[in-house]
N, C-alpha and C. Protein backbone atom coordinates (compact mmCIF):
# COMPACT_ATOMS: atom_id res chain seq x y z
N MET A 1 17.29 -11.32 -21.07
CA MET A 1 17.49 -10.50 -19.88
C MET A 1 16.36 -10.79 -18.89
N PRO A 2 16.69 -11.10 -17.63
CA PRO A 2 15.65 -11.41 -16.65
C PRO A 2 14.82 -10.18 -16.28
N THR A 3 13.55 -10.42 -15.98
CA THR A 3 12.67 -9.36 -15.55
C THR A 3 12.89 -9.10 -14.07
N VAL A 4 13.05 -7.84 -13.71
CA VAL A 4 13.23 -7.45 -12.31
C VAL A 4 11.85 -7.12 -11.76
N THR A 5 11.47 -7.83 -10.70
CA THR A 5 10.15 -7.62 -10.10
C THR A 5 10.22 -7.07 -8.69
N ASP A 6 11.42 -6.96 -8.13
CA ASP A 6 11.55 -6.54 -6.74
C ASP A 6 11.97 -5.09 -6.60
N ARG A 7 12.43 -4.46 -7.68
CA ARG A 7 13.08 -3.15 -7.56
C ARG A 7 12.73 -2.26 -8.74
N ILE A 8 12.42 -1.02 -8.43
CA ILE A 8 12.19 0.02 -9.44
C ILE A 8 13.26 1.07 -9.23
N GLU A 9 13.86 1.54 -10.32
CA GLU A 9 14.87 2.60 -10.21
C GLU A 9 14.62 3.64 -11.30
N LYS A 10 14.59 4.90 -10.89
CA LYS A 10 14.42 6.03 -11.82
C LYS A 10 15.48 7.08 -11.47
N THR A 11 16.01 7.71 -12.52
CA THR A 11 17.06 8.70 -12.34
C THR A 11 16.77 9.94 -13.18
N ILE A 12 17.12 11.09 -12.63
CA ILE A 12 17.00 12.36 -13.35
C ILE A 12 18.14 13.26 -12.90
N VAL A 13 18.63 14.10 -13.80
CA VAL A 13 19.60 15.12 -13.42
C VAL A 13 18.84 16.43 -13.26
N LEU A 14 18.97 16.99 -12.06
CA LEU A 14 18.27 18.23 -11.71
C LEU A 14 19.26 19.39 -11.77
N ARG A 15 18.84 20.48 -12.36
CA ARG A 15 19.70 21.65 -12.47
C ARG A 15 19.37 22.62 -11.35
N ALA A 16 19.74 22.22 -10.15
CA ALA A 16 19.52 23.02 -8.95
C ALA A 16 20.63 22.68 -7.97
N PRO A 17 20.96 23.60 -7.07
CA PRO A 17 21.98 23.29 -6.07
C PRO A 17 21.55 22.09 -5.21
N ARG A 18 22.53 21.32 -4.80
CA ARG A 18 22.26 20.12 -4.01
C ARG A 18 21.46 20.43 -2.75
N ALA A 19 21.81 21.52 -2.06
CA ALA A 19 21.08 21.89 -0.84
C ALA A 19 19.61 22.17 -1.14
N ARG A 20 19.33 22.76 -2.30
CA ARG A 20 17.95 23.06 -2.69
C ARG A 20 17.17 21.78 -2.97
N VAL A 21 17.81 20.86 -3.68
CA VAL A 21 17.17 19.57 -3.96
C VAL A 21 16.90 18.85 -2.65
N TRP A 22 17.86 18.87 -1.74
CA TRP A 22 17.71 18.21 -0.45
C TRP A 22 16.50 18.74 0.31
N ARG A 23 16.35 20.07 0.34
CA ARG A 23 15.19 20.65 1.04
C ARG A 23 13.88 20.21 0.40
N ALA A 24 13.85 20.14 -0.93
CA ALA A 24 12.62 19.72 -1.62
C ALA A 24 12.26 18.27 -1.27
N LEU A 25 13.27 17.47 -0.96
CA LEU A 25 13.04 16.07 -0.61
C LEU A 25 12.70 15.86 0.87
N THR A 26 13.27 16.65 1.74
CA THR A 26 13.19 16.34 3.17
C THR A 26 12.36 17.30 4.01
N ASP A 27 11.94 18.41 3.45
CA ASP A 27 11.02 19.29 4.15
C ASP A 27 9.61 18.76 3.85
N PRO A 28 8.86 18.34 4.86
CA PRO A 28 7.55 17.72 4.60
C PRO A 28 6.61 18.60 3.78
N GLN A 29 6.64 19.91 3.98
CA GLN A 29 5.77 20.81 3.21
C GLN A 29 6.16 20.80 1.73
N GLN A 30 7.46 20.96 1.46
CA GLN A 30 7.92 20.98 0.07
C GLN A 30 7.71 19.62 -0.60
N PHE A 31 8.09 18.55 0.10
CA PHE A 31 7.89 17.20 -0.45
C PHE A 31 6.42 17.00 -0.80
N GLY A 32 5.56 17.38 0.12
CA GLY A 32 4.12 17.23 -0.11
C GLY A 32 3.61 18.04 -1.27
N ASP A 33 4.16 19.25 -1.45
CA ASP A 33 3.72 20.11 -2.55
C ASP A 33 3.92 19.43 -3.90
N TRP A 34 5.13 18.91 -4.14
CA TRP A 34 5.38 18.30 -5.46
C TRP A 34 4.88 16.87 -5.54
N PHE A 35 4.90 16.13 -4.42
CA PHE A 35 4.50 14.73 -4.44
C PHE A 35 2.98 14.57 -4.46
N GLY A 36 2.28 15.57 -3.92
CA GLY A 36 0.82 15.51 -3.90
C GLY A 36 0.24 14.99 -2.60
N MET A 37 0.95 15.21 -1.50
CA MET A 37 0.52 14.74 -0.19
C MET A 37 0.60 15.87 0.84
N ARG A 38 -0.16 15.72 1.90
CA ARG A 38 -0.01 16.60 3.05
C ARG A 38 0.51 15.72 4.18
N PHE A 39 1.69 16.05 4.67
CA PHE A 39 2.31 15.29 5.76
C PHE A 39 2.05 15.98 7.08
N MET A 40 1.76 15.19 8.11
CA MET A 40 1.34 15.75 9.38
C MET A 40 2.49 15.98 10.37
N ASP A 41 3.66 15.42 10.09
CA ASP A 41 4.77 15.48 11.04
C ASP A 41 6.09 15.66 10.30
N PRO A 42 7.15 16.05 11.04
CA PRO A 42 8.48 16.18 10.42
C PRO A 42 9.07 14.83 10.04
N PHE A 43 10.02 14.86 9.13
CA PHE A 43 10.72 13.66 8.68
C PHE A 43 11.94 13.43 9.58
N VAL A 44 11.78 12.56 10.56
CA VAL A 44 12.83 12.23 11.52
C VAL A 44 13.03 10.72 11.48
N PRO A 45 14.28 10.24 11.42
CA PRO A 45 14.49 8.79 11.36
C PRO A 45 13.71 8.05 12.45
N GLY A 46 13.02 7.01 12.04
CA GLY A 46 12.23 6.19 12.96
C GLY A 46 10.80 6.67 13.14
N ALA A 47 10.49 7.89 12.69
CA ALA A 47 9.15 8.44 12.88
C ALA A 47 8.16 7.82 11.92
N ARG A 48 6.96 7.60 12.41
CA ARG A 48 5.83 7.20 11.57
C ARG A 48 5.07 8.49 11.26
N VAL A 49 4.97 8.83 9.99
CA VAL A 49 4.39 10.09 9.56
C VAL A 49 3.12 9.82 8.77
N ARG A 50 2.04 10.43 9.21
CA ARG A 50 0.74 10.28 8.55
C ARG A 50 0.69 11.25 7.36
N ALA A 51 0.11 10.78 6.26
CA ALA A 51 -0.01 11.60 5.06
C ALA A 51 -1.40 11.45 4.47
N ALA A 52 -1.85 12.50 3.80
CA ALA A 52 -3.13 12.48 3.08
C ALA A 52 -2.88 12.91 1.65
N ILE A 53 -3.52 12.25 0.71
CA ILE A 53 -3.38 12.59 -0.70
C ILE A 53 -4.17 13.87 -0.98
N VAL A 54 -3.49 14.86 -1.57
CA VAL A 54 -4.13 16.14 -1.88
C VAL A 54 -3.94 16.57 -3.34
N GLY A 55 -2.99 15.99 -4.04
CA GLY A 55 -2.71 16.39 -5.41
C GLY A 55 -1.51 17.32 -5.49
N THR A 56 -0.64 17.07 -6.44
CA THR A 56 0.56 17.87 -6.61
C THR A 56 0.23 19.31 -6.99
N SER A 57 1.09 20.23 -6.60
CA SER A 57 0.90 21.64 -6.94
C SER A 57 1.57 22.01 -8.26
N VAL A 58 2.31 21.09 -8.89
CA VAL A 58 3.11 21.47 -10.06
C VAL A 58 2.62 20.92 -11.39
N ASP A 59 1.58 20.09 -11.38
CA ASP A 59 1.08 19.53 -12.63
C ASP A 59 -0.42 19.27 -12.48
N PRO A 60 -1.26 20.14 -13.07
CA PRO A 60 -2.71 20.01 -12.89
C PRO A 60 -3.28 18.67 -13.34
N GLU A 61 -2.73 18.10 -14.40
CA GLU A 61 -3.23 16.82 -14.89
C GLU A 61 -2.95 15.68 -13.89
N ILE A 62 -1.73 15.66 -13.37
CA ILE A 62 -1.37 14.65 -12.36
C ILE A 62 -2.17 14.89 -11.09
N ALA A 63 -2.33 16.15 -10.70
CA ALA A 63 -3.11 16.48 -9.50
C ALA A 63 -4.54 15.96 -9.62
N LYS A 64 -5.13 16.11 -10.78
CA LYS A 64 -6.50 15.63 -11.00
C LYS A 64 -6.57 14.11 -10.81
N ALA A 65 -5.59 13.39 -11.35
CA ALA A 65 -5.56 11.93 -11.20
C ALA A 65 -5.36 11.54 -9.73
N GLN A 66 -4.52 12.27 -9.02
CA GLN A 66 -4.28 11.97 -7.61
C GLN A 66 -5.52 12.21 -6.75
N ARG A 67 -6.28 13.22 -7.11
CA ARG A 67 -7.43 13.60 -6.28
C ARG A 67 -8.54 12.55 -6.25
N GLN A 68 -8.49 11.58 -7.15
CA GLN A 68 -9.48 10.50 -7.08
C GLN A 68 -9.31 9.70 -5.79
N HIS A 69 -8.15 9.85 -5.15
CA HIS A 69 -7.88 9.17 -3.88
C HIS A 69 -7.77 10.17 -2.72
N ALA A 70 -8.43 11.33 -2.85
CA ALA A 70 -8.28 12.42 -1.88
C ALA A 70 -8.64 12.04 -0.45
N ALA A 71 -9.48 11.09 -0.24
CA ALA A 71 -9.87 10.72 1.12
C ALA A 71 -8.87 9.74 1.76
N VAL A 72 -7.91 9.27 1.00
CA VAL A 72 -7.00 8.24 1.48
C VAL A 72 -5.88 8.84 2.33
N THR A 73 -5.66 8.24 3.49
CA THR A 73 -4.51 8.57 4.32
C THR A 73 -3.67 7.31 4.49
N PHE A 74 -2.40 7.50 4.74
CA PHE A 74 -1.51 6.37 4.95
C PHE A 74 -0.31 6.85 5.74
N ASP A 75 0.50 5.91 6.18
CA ASP A 75 1.70 6.22 6.95
C ASP A 75 2.95 5.88 6.16
N ILE A 76 3.99 6.68 6.37
CA ILE A 76 5.32 6.32 5.94
C ILE A 76 6.17 6.26 7.20
N VAL A 77 7.19 5.44 7.18
CA VAL A 77 8.12 5.34 8.31
C VAL A 77 9.48 5.81 7.80
N ILE A 78 9.99 6.89 8.37
CA ILE A 78 11.26 7.45 7.91
C ILE A 78 12.38 6.50 8.31
N ALA A 79 13.18 6.09 7.33
CA ALA A 79 14.26 5.13 7.56
C ALA A 79 15.61 5.83 7.76
N ARG A 80 16.05 6.60 6.77
CA ARG A 80 17.37 7.26 6.84
C ARG A 80 17.27 8.71 6.39
N VAL A 81 18.04 9.54 7.06
CA VAL A 81 18.20 10.93 6.67
C VAL A 81 19.69 11.24 6.79
N GLU A 82 20.41 11.15 5.68
CA GLU A 82 21.84 11.48 5.63
C GLU A 82 21.94 12.75 4.81
N PRO A 83 22.09 13.90 5.49
CA PRO A 83 21.99 15.20 4.82
C PRO A 83 22.70 15.29 3.47
N GLU A 84 21.91 15.75 2.51
CA GLU A 84 22.32 15.99 1.13
C GLU A 84 22.88 14.76 0.43
N ARG A 85 22.53 13.58 0.96
CA ARG A 85 22.99 12.33 0.36
C ARG A 85 21.87 11.32 0.17
N VAL A 86 21.23 10.90 1.26
CA VAL A 86 20.20 9.85 1.19
C VAL A 86 19.03 10.19 2.12
N PHE A 87 17.83 10.08 1.57
CA PHE A 87 16.60 10.17 2.35
C PHE A 87 15.79 8.94 1.98
N SER A 88 15.30 8.21 2.98
CA SER A 88 14.52 7.02 2.66
C SER A 88 13.38 6.82 3.65
N PHE A 89 12.36 6.13 3.17
CA PHE A 89 11.23 5.78 4.02
C PHE A 89 10.65 4.44 3.56
N ARG A 90 9.84 3.86 4.43
CA ARG A 90 9.11 2.64 4.12
C ARG A 90 7.62 2.98 4.03
N TRP A 91 6.93 2.25 3.15
CA TRP A 91 5.48 2.44 3.01
C TRP A 91 4.86 1.21 2.38
N HIS A 92 3.53 1.23 2.33
CA HIS A 92 2.78 0.17 1.66
C HIS A 92 2.43 0.68 0.27
N PRO A 93 3.07 0.15 -0.79
CA PRO A 93 2.81 0.66 -2.13
C PRO A 93 1.39 0.34 -2.60
N GLY A 94 0.81 1.32 -3.30
CA GLY A 94 -0.52 1.10 -3.87
C GLY A 94 -1.61 0.90 -2.85
N ALA A 95 -1.41 1.41 -1.65
CA ALA A 95 -2.37 1.22 -0.55
C ALA A 95 -3.45 2.30 -0.59
N VAL A 96 -4.29 2.28 -1.60
CA VAL A 96 -5.28 3.34 -1.78
C VAL A 96 -6.73 2.89 -1.54
N ASP A 97 -6.93 1.61 -1.26
CA ASP A 97 -8.30 1.13 -1.00
C ASP A 97 -8.59 1.28 0.50
N PRO A 98 -9.46 2.23 0.87
CA PRO A 98 -9.73 2.46 2.30
C PRO A 98 -10.38 1.26 2.99
N GLY A 99 -10.88 0.30 2.23
CA GLY A 99 -11.51 -0.88 2.80
C GLY A 99 -10.53 -2.01 3.11
N VAL A 100 -9.24 -1.81 2.83
CA VAL A 100 -8.23 -2.85 3.04
C VAL A 100 -7.30 -2.43 4.16
N ASP A 101 -7.00 -3.36 5.06
CA ASP A 101 -6.02 -3.13 6.13
C ASP A 101 -4.66 -3.61 5.63
N TYR A 102 -3.80 -2.68 5.30
CA TYR A 102 -2.47 -2.99 4.77
C TYR A 102 -1.43 -3.18 5.87
N SER A 103 -1.79 -2.92 7.11
CA SER A 103 -0.82 -2.88 8.21
C SER A 103 -0.09 -4.20 8.44
N ARG A 104 -0.66 -5.31 8.03
CA ARG A 104 -0.01 -6.61 8.23
C ARG A 104 0.94 -6.99 7.10
N GLU A 105 0.92 -6.19 6.03
CA GLU A 105 1.81 -6.46 4.89
C GLU A 105 3.19 -5.86 5.14
N PRO A 106 4.21 -6.46 4.54
CA PRO A 106 5.53 -5.83 4.59
C PRO A 106 5.51 -4.51 3.81
N MET A 107 6.37 -3.59 4.21
CA MET A 107 6.50 -2.32 3.51
C MET A 107 7.67 -2.40 2.53
N THR A 108 7.59 -1.62 1.47
CA THR A 108 8.74 -1.48 0.58
C THR A 108 9.60 -0.33 1.10
N LEU A 109 10.83 -0.25 0.60
CA LEU A 109 11.77 0.81 0.96
C LEU A 109 11.92 1.74 -0.23
N VAL A 110 11.71 3.03 0.00
CA VAL A 110 11.90 4.06 -1.03
C VAL A 110 13.12 4.88 -0.64
N GLU A 111 14.10 4.97 -1.55
CA GLU A 111 15.33 5.71 -1.29
C GLU A 111 15.51 6.80 -2.33
N PHE A 112 15.82 7.99 -1.86
CA PHE A 112 16.17 9.12 -2.71
C PHE A 112 17.65 9.38 -2.48
N MET A 113 18.47 9.22 -3.52
CA MET A 113 19.92 9.38 -3.39
C MET A 113 20.39 10.50 -4.29
N LEU A 114 21.22 11.39 -3.73
CA LEU A 114 21.74 12.53 -4.47
C LEU A 114 23.22 12.36 -4.75
N GLU A 115 23.62 12.79 -5.95
CA GLU A 115 25.03 12.72 -6.34
C GLU A 115 25.33 13.92 -7.25
N GLU A 116 26.41 14.63 -6.93
CA GLU A 116 26.86 15.74 -7.79
C GLU A 116 27.33 15.17 -9.12
N VAL A 117 26.90 15.79 -10.21
CA VAL A 117 27.38 15.44 -11.55
C VAL A 117 27.68 16.74 -12.29
N ALA A 118 28.31 16.64 -13.44
CA ALA A 118 28.73 17.82 -14.19
C ALA A 118 27.58 18.78 -14.48
N ASP A 119 26.39 18.25 -14.80
CA ASP A 119 25.27 19.09 -15.19
C ASP A 119 24.34 19.50 -14.05
N GLY A 120 24.61 19.06 -12.83
CA GLY A 120 23.75 19.38 -11.70
C GLY A 120 23.81 18.33 -10.62
N VAL A 121 22.65 17.85 -10.21
CA VAL A 121 22.55 16.84 -9.16
C VAL A 121 21.75 15.67 -9.70
N ARG A 122 22.34 14.48 -9.66
CA ARG A 122 21.62 13.28 -10.08
C ARG A 122 20.79 12.80 -8.90
N LEU A 123 19.49 12.70 -9.14
CA LEU A 123 18.57 12.11 -8.17
C LEU A 123 18.23 10.72 -8.66
N THR A 124 18.50 9.73 -7.82
CA THR A 124 18.11 8.36 -8.11
C THR A 124 17.08 7.95 -7.08
N VAL A 125 15.94 7.48 -7.55
CA VAL A 125 14.88 6.99 -6.68
C VAL A 125 14.80 5.48 -6.88
N VAL A 126 14.90 4.74 -5.78
CA VAL A 126 14.82 3.28 -5.82
C VAL A 126 13.74 2.83 -4.84
N GLU A 127 12.83 2.00 -5.32
CA GLU A 127 11.88 1.35 -4.42
C GLU A 127 12.11 -0.14 -4.54
N SER A 128 12.33 -0.79 -3.40
CA SER A 128 12.62 -2.22 -3.38
C SER A 128 11.78 -2.93 -2.33
N GLY A 129 11.65 -4.23 -2.53
CA GLY A 129 10.90 -5.06 -1.59
C GLY A 129 9.57 -5.55 -2.11
N PHE A 130 9.32 -5.41 -3.41
CA PHE A 130 8.03 -5.83 -3.98
C PHE A 130 7.82 -7.34 -3.89
N ASP A 131 8.91 -8.11 -3.92
CA ASP A 131 8.75 -9.56 -3.87
C ASP A 131 8.19 -10.06 -2.53
N ARG A 132 8.13 -9.17 -1.54
CA ARG A 132 7.55 -9.55 -0.25
C ARG A 132 6.08 -9.15 -0.13
N ILE A 133 5.58 -8.38 -1.09
CA ILE A 133 4.17 -7.96 -1.08
C ILE A 133 3.31 -9.18 -1.40
N PRO A 134 2.14 -9.33 -0.76
CA PRO A 134 1.28 -10.48 -1.07
C PRO A 134 1.04 -10.60 -2.57
N ILE A 135 1.08 -11.82 -3.03
CA ILE A 135 1.02 -12.12 -4.46
C ILE A 135 -0.19 -11.49 -5.14
N GLU A 136 -1.33 -11.44 -4.44
CA GLU A 136 -2.54 -10.91 -5.06
C GLU A 136 -2.46 -9.40 -5.32
N ARG A 137 -1.52 -8.70 -4.69
CA ARG A 137 -1.35 -7.25 -4.90
C ARG A 137 -0.04 -6.89 -5.59
N ARG A 138 0.87 -7.82 -5.63
CA ARG A 138 2.25 -7.52 -6.05
C ARG A 138 2.34 -6.91 -7.44
N ALA A 139 1.77 -7.53 -8.44
CA ALA A 139 1.91 -7.06 -9.83
C ALA A 139 1.32 -5.66 -10.00
N ALA A 140 0.15 -5.43 -9.42
CA ALA A 140 -0.49 -4.11 -9.55
C ALA A 140 0.32 -3.04 -8.82
N ALA A 141 0.82 -3.36 -7.63
CA ALA A 141 1.64 -2.39 -6.88
C ALA A 141 2.90 -2.06 -7.64
N PHE A 142 3.56 -3.09 -8.19
CA PHE A 142 4.79 -2.86 -8.95
C PHE A 142 4.51 -2.02 -10.20
N ALA A 143 3.50 -2.41 -10.97
CA ALA A 143 3.20 -1.69 -12.22
C ALA A 143 2.81 -0.24 -11.94
N GLY A 144 2.00 -0.02 -10.93
CA GLY A 144 1.59 1.34 -10.58
C GLY A 144 2.76 2.20 -10.17
N ASN A 145 3.67 1.64 -9.38
CA ASN A 145 4.80 2.42 -8.92
C ASN A 145 5.89 2.55 -9.99
N GLU A 146 6.01 1.57 -10.86
CA GLU A 146 6.94 1.69 -11.98
C GLU A 146 6.57 2.92 -12.81
N GLN A 147 5.31 3.07 -13.11
CA GLN A 147 4.84 4.25 -13.84
C GLN A 147 4.93 5.49 -12.95
N GLY A 148 4.51 5.36 -11.71
CA GLY A 148 4.45 6.49 -10.79
C GLY A 148 5.78 7.15 -10.54
N TRP A 149 6.83 6.35 -10.31
CA TRP A 149 8.15 6.96 -10.04
C TRP A 149 8.69 7.68 -11.26
N GLY A 150 8.35 7.23 -12.46
CA GLY A 150 8.73 7.96 -13.66
C GLY A 150 8.09 9.34 -13.69
N ILE A 151 6.86 9.43 -13.24
CA ILE A 151 6.16 10.71 -13.14
C ILE A 151 6.75 11.55 -12.03
N VAL A 152 7.01 10.93 -10.89
CA VAL A 152 7.47 11.65 -9.70
C VAL A 152 8.80 12.37 -9.93
N VAL A 153 9.76 11.71 -10.58
CA VAL A 153 11.05 12.40 -10.77
C VAL A 153 10.85 13.65 -11.61
N ASN A 154 9.90 13.65 -12.52
CA ASN A 154 9.62 14.85 -13.31
C ASN A 154 8.89 15.90 -12.48
N LEU A 155 8.07 15.48 -11.52
CA LEU A 155 7.42 16.44 -10.63
C LEU A 155 8.46 17.19 -9.78
N VAL A 156 9.47 16.49 -9.31
CA VAL A 156 10.55 17.14 -8.55
C VAL A 156 11.19 18.22 -9.42
N ASP A 157 11.50 17.86 -10.65
CA ASP A 157 12.14 18.80 -11.57
C ASP A 157 11.25 20.03 -11.79
N LYS A 158 9.96 19.80 -12.04
CA LYS A 158 9.03 20.92 -12.24
C LYS A 158 8.96 21.81 -11.00
N TYR A 159 8.93 21.18 -9.83
CA TYR A 159 8.87 21.93 -8.58
C TYR A 159 10.10 22.81 -8.41
N LEU A 160 11.27 22.23 -8.63
CA LEU A 160 12.53 22.99 -8.48
C LEU A 160 12.61 24.13 -9.49
N THR A 161 12.13 23.90 -10.69
CA THR A 161 12.13 24.94 -11.73
C THR A 161 11.19 26.08 -11.35
N ALA A 162 10.01 25.72 -10.84
CA ALA A 162 9.01 26.74 -10.48
C ALA A 162 9.38 27.48 -9.20
N HIS A 163 10.19 26.88 -8.34
CA HIS A 163 10.54 27.48 -7.04
C HIS A 163 12.04 27.70 -6.93
N ALA A 164 12.65 28.16 -8.01
CA ALA A 164 14.11 28.37 -8.04
C ALA A 164 14.52 29.48 -7.10
């Protein structure tokens, strides 16, 4: 079986109404609470939104790990907002070294897709475009986000459970 190096995909079934899941994904305050970021602007297609790492509110252990990068800010560019279906943005994966200018690198695409299923709402998170990242950063960015998205889908679940 070939190794996939350009795309990460994680899926979880959330036991919450679709509208509730959608708000957790697309309201910058709620997204930031579970994701561990503070976003400075609304999520509007085409907008460049500045974010600062602050640590998730739903898992103290993950929050502690995130806070090692507390001084780091970065931008995401909102790509698509299709209500209760798809939310996506572009960003520079693994861009946590404040001494590096990542602005000349291609961004990856992160997509959050919702689908009704018998047990709730299936959330699929896909990040693609790693094969365009400079070779010297590619493997570390991919490995970090492969692990990270596995953690993130569980953070969404914890957030929805705690804020039902």
